């Protein structure tokens, strides 16, 4: 697993790899954003190795929304970490945006996250010494984008925080911090958005606002949204709901039929 702050770490690594890997071609005929096959994750412990994921297989179509639910300790967050390339599976196959994560080095994984993946963490992971604008611009700066701050300002405007550009995380409410984190996750226009309990640390009103903006931003950009949540009602807003129990998929149902799914079916 990547040590230290995940945002700073991925930027430092990607500086060495940026623009050296060709983007996956959405016209290549493969309409899957995420393909996981027989993934197992075993982590060491003082007593004995602990099997966290036990043969997970999952295919997620580009442009769809998927809610992943299950009790605490079921393996939901570990699965998201594997999808993000922040945890390497012990065995199995993990293809994300056309990239085989099992053979990718850390610099390649970091570049993939800067290019194709946005991540919204439950605990925000904002840099405390940076303003809201600087936090959102950070991944673009690592990528060498000369318009980093202009794009970051537009992203903050999209989540209703234009009046908070110069504020530090400690000066923001929990809901505002999560909206900054959401703006940072989508500022580079990723193809895949991973959200881990994005409302877990928020009050009901702030959580509702973040959820509305999360779905709106993903719909506007046409990105694939994978949402980890304990909230069955929130998961039901997704087109597909996958239930995890004891490291295995124990349920998988379509809540609605998306245009992307109809395209594949045809």
Protein backbone atom coordinates (compact mmCIF):
# COMPACT_ATOMS: atom_id res chain seq x y z
CA UNK A 1 0.00 0.00 0.00
CA UNK A 2 1.26 3.52 -0.77
CA UNK A 3 2.73 5.06 2.36
CA UNK A 4 2.04 8.62 3.52
CA UNK A 5 -0.54 11.04 2.17
CA UNK A 6 -2.07 9.38 -0.92
CA UNK A 7 -2.53 12.63 -2.84
CA UNK A 8 1.01 13.93 -2.32
CA UNK A 9 2.53 10.48 -2.86
CA UNK A 10 0.78 9.85 -6.17
CA UNK A 11 1.86 13.26 -7.45
CA UNK A 12 5.49 12.73 -6.55
CA UNK A 13 5.52 9.40 -8.34
CA UNK A 14 3.61 10.63 -11.36
CA UNK A 15 6.08 13.44 -12.00
CA UNK A 16 8.41 10.73 -13.29
CA UNK A 17 5.81 8.95 -15.41
CA UNK A 18 3.37 11.59 -16.66
CA UNK A 19 2.50 11.30 -20.35
CA UNK A 20 4.64 8.16 -20.84
CA UNK A 21 1.67 5.77 -20.85
CA UNK A 22 -0.92 5.90 -23.64
CA UNK A 23 -4.49 6.50 -22.53
CA UNK A 24 -6.84 3.58 -23.04
CA UNK A 25 -8.93 3.97 -26.14
CA UNK A 26 -12.69 4.02 -25.43
CA UNK A 27 -13.35 3.16 -29.07
CA UNK A 28 -11.35 -0.07 -28.87
CA UNK A 29 -14.49 -2.11 -28.35
CA UNK A 30 -13.99 -2.84 -24.65
CA UNK A 31 -16.79 -0.98 -22.86
CA UNK A 32 -15.71 -1.95 -19.34
CA UNK A 33 -14.20 0.68 -17.08
CA UNK A 34 -13.33 -1.87 -14.37
CA UNK A 35 -12.81 -5.60 -14.76
CA UNK A 36 -11.84 -7.65 -11.70
CA UNK A 37 -11.41 -11.41 -11.94
CA UNK A 38 -10.98 -13.79 -8.98
CA UNK A 39 -9.31 -11.12 -6.84
CA UNK A 40 -7.99 -12.19 -3.48
CA UNK A 41 -6.40 -9.96 -0.86
CA UNK A 42 -4.59 -11.43 2.13
CA UNK A 43 -2.95 -9.18 4.72
CA UNK A 44 -0.50 -10.21 7.44
CA UNK A 45 -1.37 -10.05 11.13
CA UNK A 46 0.41 -11.00 14.36
CA UNK A 47 -1.51 -14.27 14.71
CA UNK A 48 -2.04 -15.40 11.10
CA UNK A 49 -2.66 -13.97 7.62
CA UNK A 50 -6.16 -12.52 7.21
CA UNK A 51 -8.05 -13.10 3.95
CA UNK A 52 -9.91 -9.86 3.21
CA UNK A 53 -11.16 -10.48 -0.34
CA UNK A 54 -12.02 -14.04 -1.34
CA UNK A 55 -12.25 -14.43 -5.08
CA UNK A 56 -14.09 -11.26 -6.14
CA UNK A 57 -15.09 -11.05 -9.82
CA UNK A 58 -16.79 -7.89 -11.06
CA UNK A 59 -17.23 -6.13 -14.39
CA UNK A 60 -18.38 -2.50 -14.40
CA UNK A 61 -19.54 -0.88 -17.63
CA UNK A 62 -18.20 2.56 -18.51
CA UNK A 63 -20.53 5.42 -17.61
CA UNK A 64 -22.63 3.50 -15.08
CA UNK A 65 -23.17 4.10 -11.37
CA UNK A 66 -22.54 1.23 -8.96
CA UNK A 67 -23.24 1.17 -5.24
CA UNK A 68 -21.25 -1.30 -3.14
CA UNK A 69 -22.86 -2.14 0.19
CA UNK A 70 -22.18 -4.45 3.09
CA UNK A 71 -21.52 -4.46 6.84
CA UNK A 72 -18.38 -3.04 8.42
CA UNK A 73 -15.43 -5.36 7.88
CA UNK A 74 -16.96 -7.01 4.82
CA UNK A 75 -14.19 -5.84 2.48
CA UNK A 76 -15.89 -2.89 0.73
CA UNK A 77 -13.17 -0.33 1.32
CA UNK A 78 -10.43 -2.88 0.61
CA UNK A 79 -12.06 -3.55 -2.76
CA UNK A 80 -12.09 0.17 -3.53
CA UNK A 81 -8.43 0.45 -2.55
CA UNK A 82 -7.61 -2.36 -4.96
CA UNK A 83 -9.57 -0.58 -7.71
CA UNK A 84 -7.65 2.63 -7.01
CA UNK A 85 -4.28 0.89 -7.12
CA UNK A 86 -3.63 1.89 -3.51
CA UNK A 87 -3.62 -1.76 -2.42
CA UNK A 88 -2.22 -4.53 -4.62
CA UNK A 89 -4.30 -7.70 -4.80
CA UNK A 90 -2.58 -10.87 -3.59
CA UNK A 91 -3.81 -12.70 -6.69
CA UNK A 92 -6.27 -12.33 -9.54
CA UNK A 93 -6.66 -9.81 -12.35
CA UNK A 94 -7.44 -6.09 -11.98
CA UNK A 95 -8.01 -4.03 -15.14
CA UNK A 96 -8.82 -0.35 -14.58
CA UNK A 97 -9.33 1.95 -17.58
CA UNK A 98 -7.46 -0.58 -19.68
CA UNK A 99 -4.45 -0.77 -17.32
CA UNK A 100 -3.40 -4.06 -15.70
CA UNK A 101 -2.79 -3.03 -12.10
CA UNK A 102 -1.15 -6.28 -11.12
CA UNK A 103 1.91 -5.62 -13.29
CA UNK A 104 2.03 -1.81 -12.94
CA UNK A 105 4.77 -0.19 -10.88
CA UNK A 106 4.05 2.61 -8.38
CA UNK A 107 4.82 5.41 -10.84
CA UNK A 108 2.46 3.90 -13.41
CA UNK A 109 -0.29 3.55 -10.82
CA UNK A 110 0.17 7.15 -9.69
CA UNK A 111 -0.02 8.41 -13.27
CA UNK A 112 -3.17 6.34 -13.84
CA UNK A 113 -4.81 7.99 -10.83
CA UNK A 114 -3.84 11.45 -12.04
CA UNK A 115 -5.22 10.73 -15.49
CA UNK A 116 -8.20 8.38 -15.21
CA UNK A 117 -9.30 7.99 -11.56
CA UNK A 118 -10.82 10.40 -9.05
CA UNK A 119 -11.08 9.36 -5.39
CA UNK A 120 -13.30 10.83 -2.67
CA UNK A 121 -12.17 9.65 0.77
CA UNK A 122 -14.39 9.56 3.84
CA UNK A 123 -11.80 11.52 5.82
CA UNK A 124 -11.22 14.15 3.10
CA UNK A 125 -7.37 13.93 2.96
CA UNK A 126 -7.00 17.67 2.38
CA UNK A 127 -3.57 19.22 2.91
CA UNK A 128 -4.05 21.41 6.03
CA UNK A 129 -1.49 24.04 5.03
CA UNK A 130 -3.09 24.64 1.63
CA UNK A 131 -6.19 26.69 0.80
CA UNK A 132 -9.24 25.13 -0.84
CA UNK A 133 -8.05 26.43 -4.21
CA UNK A 134 -4.54 25.06 -3.71
CA UNK A 135 -5.86 21.65 -2.63
CA UNK A 136 -8.01 21.32 -5.74
CA UNK A 137 -5.23 22.56 -8.04
CA UNK A 138 -2.69 20.14 -6.55
CA UNK A 139 -3.19 17.15 -8.92
CA UNK A 140 -3.16 19.48 -11.93
CA UNK A 141 0.06 21.10 -10.74
CA UNK A 142 1.67 17.68 -10.41
CA UNK A 143 0.58 16.99 -13.99
CA UNK A 144 2.18 20.25 -15.16
CA UNK A 145 -1.09 21.89 -16.22
CA UNK A 146 -0.47 25.65 -16.73
CA UNK A 147 -4.19 26.32 -16.19
CA UNK A 148 -4.28 24.43 -12.87
CA UNK A 149 -5.65 27.28 -10.75
CA UNK A 150 -8.21 28.43 -13.30
CA UNK A 151 -9.54 24.87 -13.62
CA UNK A 152 -9.52 24.45 -9.84
CA UNK A 153 -11.54 27.62 -9.41
CA UNK A 154 -14.14 26.37 -11.90
CA UNK A 155 -14.33 23.03 -10.07
CA UNK A 156 -14.93 24.79 -6.75
CA UNK A 157 -17.58 26.94 -8.41
CA UNK A 158 -19.30 23.73 -9.56
CA UNK A 159 -19.65 22.61 -5.92
CA UNK A 160 -20.75 26.06 -4.72
CA UNK A 161 -17.55 27.11 -2.97
CA UNK A 162 -16.37 30.13 -4.92
CA UNK A 163 -16.57 32.15 -1.69
CA UNK A 164 -14.18 29.73 0.06
CA UNK A 165 -11.24 29.74 -2.38
CA UNK A 166 -8.76 31.24 0.10
CA UNK A 167 -9.90 29.32 3.17
CA UNK A 168 -7.82 26.58 4.79
CA UNK A 169 -9.42 23.21 5.72
CA UNK A 170 -9.60 24.13 9.42
CA UNK A 171 -11.72 27.17 8.46
CA UNK A 172 -14.26 25.02 6.60
CA UNK A 173 -17.15 22.91 7.87
CA UNK A 174 -17.08 19.15 7.37
CA UNK A 175 -19.50 19.44 4.46
CA UNK A 176 -17.40 22.14 2.84
CA UNK A 177 -14.25 20.07 3.24
CA UNK A 178 -15.90 17.12 1.54
CA UNK A 179 -17.05 19.35 -1.32
CA UNK A 180 -13.46 20.57 -1.73
CA UNK A 181 -12.37 16.91 -1.82
CA UNK A 182 -15.05 16.20 -4.43
CA UNK A 183 -13.88 19.12 -6.57
CA UNK A 184 -10.31 17.83 -6.33
CA UNK A 185 -11.46 14.33 -7.34
CA UNK A 186 -13.08 15.54 -10.58
CA UNK A 187 -10.92 18.55 -11.53
CA UNK A 188 -8.74 16.46 -13.86
CA UNK A 189 -11.84 14.99 -15.60
CA UNK A 190 -11.30 11.35 -14.68
CA UNK A 191 -13.07 8.48 -16.41
CA UNK A 192 -13.70 6.71 -13.09
CA UNK A 193 -14.83 8.22 -9.77
CA UNK A 194 -14.41 6.15 -6.59
CA UNK A 195 -16.17 7.38 -3.44
CA UNK A 196 -15.63 5.73 -0.06
CA UNK A 197 -18.44 6.56 2.37
CA UNK A 198 -18.44 10.21 1.20
CA UNK A 199 -21.17 11.17 3.70
CA UNK A 200 -19.87 9.10 6.61
CA UNK A 201 -18.48 12.07 8.57
CA UNK A 202 -21.21 14.56 7.69
CA UNK A 203 -24.53 15.65 9.18
CA UNK A 204 -27.69 14.84 7.23
CA UNK A 205 -28.00 18.22 5.48
CA UNK A 206 -24.34 18.37 4.43
CA UNK A 207 -24.43 14.73 3.36
CA UNK A 208 -27.46 15.29 1.15
CA UNK A 209 -25.77 18.24 -0.57
CA UNK A 210 -22.57 16.28 -1.20
CA UNK A 211 -24.53 13.33 -2.60
CA UNK A 212 -26.50 15.55 -4.99
CA UNK A 213 -23.29 17.14 -6.24
CA UNK A 214 -21.55 13.76 -6.51
CA UNK A 215 -24.25 12.32 -8.78
CA UNK A 216 -24.64 15.56 -10.74
CA UNK A 217 -20.92 15.87 -11.45
CA UNK A 218 -20.59 12.23 -12.44
CA UNK A 219 -23.63 12.47 -14.72
CA UNK A 220 -22.48 15.71 -16.35
CA UNK A 221 -19.05 14.25 -17.09
CA UNK A 222 -20.35 10.78 -18.02
CA UNK A 223 -17.89 9.09 -15.67
CA UNK A 224 -18.16 5.67 -14.06
CA UNK A 225 -19.14 6.10 -10.40
CA UNK A 226 -18.38 3.44 -7.77
CA UNK A 227 -19.88 4.38 -4.42
CA UNK A 228 -19.05 2.58 -1.16
CA UNK A 229 -21.79 3.12 1.41
CA UNK A 230 -23.64 1.67 4.41
CA UNK A 231 -26.75 3.59 3.32
CA UNK A 232 -29.10 1.33 1.38
CA UNK A 233 -31.16 4.33 0.27
CA UNK A 234 -28.09 6.04 -1.14
CA UNK A 235 -26.96 2.86 -2.90
CA UNK A 236 -30.43 2.52 -4.44
CA UNK A 237 -29.82 5.74 -6.39
CA UNK A 238 -27.17 3.86 -8.37
CA UNK A 239 -28.03 1.84 -11.46
CA UNK A 240 -26.49 -1.27 -9.94
CA UNK A 241 -26.05 -2.44 -6.37
CA UNK A 242 -23.38 -4.98 -5.40
CA UNK A 243 -23.47 -6.46 -1.89
CA UNK A 244 -20.26 -7.64 -0.21
CA UNK A 245 -20.25 -10.07 2.73
CA UNK A 246 -17.19 -11.60 4.37
CA UNK A 247 -14.98 -10.76 1.40
CA UNK A 248 -17.32 -12.22 -1.22
CA UNK A 249 -20.03 -10.87 -3.52
CA UNK A 250 -23.31 -12.07 -2.02
CA UNK A 251 -25.69 -9.97 -4.13
CA UNK A 252 -25.66 -8.14 -7.45
CA UNK A 253 -28.73 -6.48 -8.91
CA UNK A 254 -29.58 -3.81 -11.45
CA UNK A 255 -31.65 -0.99 -9.98
CA UNK A 256 -32.15 0.64 -13.37
CA UNK A 257 -30.99 0.22 -16.95
CA UNK A 258 -28.46 2.83 -18.08
CA UNK A 259 -27.83 3.97 -21.66
CA UNK A 260 -24.36 2.40 -21.42
CA UNK A 261 -25.87 -0.94 -20.41
CA UNK A 262 -28.38 -0.79 -23.27
CA UNK A 263 -25.53 -0.07 -25.70
CA UNK A 264 -23.68 -3.20 -24.57
CA UNK A 265 -26.84 -5.30 -24.72
CA UNK A 266 -27.46 -4.26 -28.30
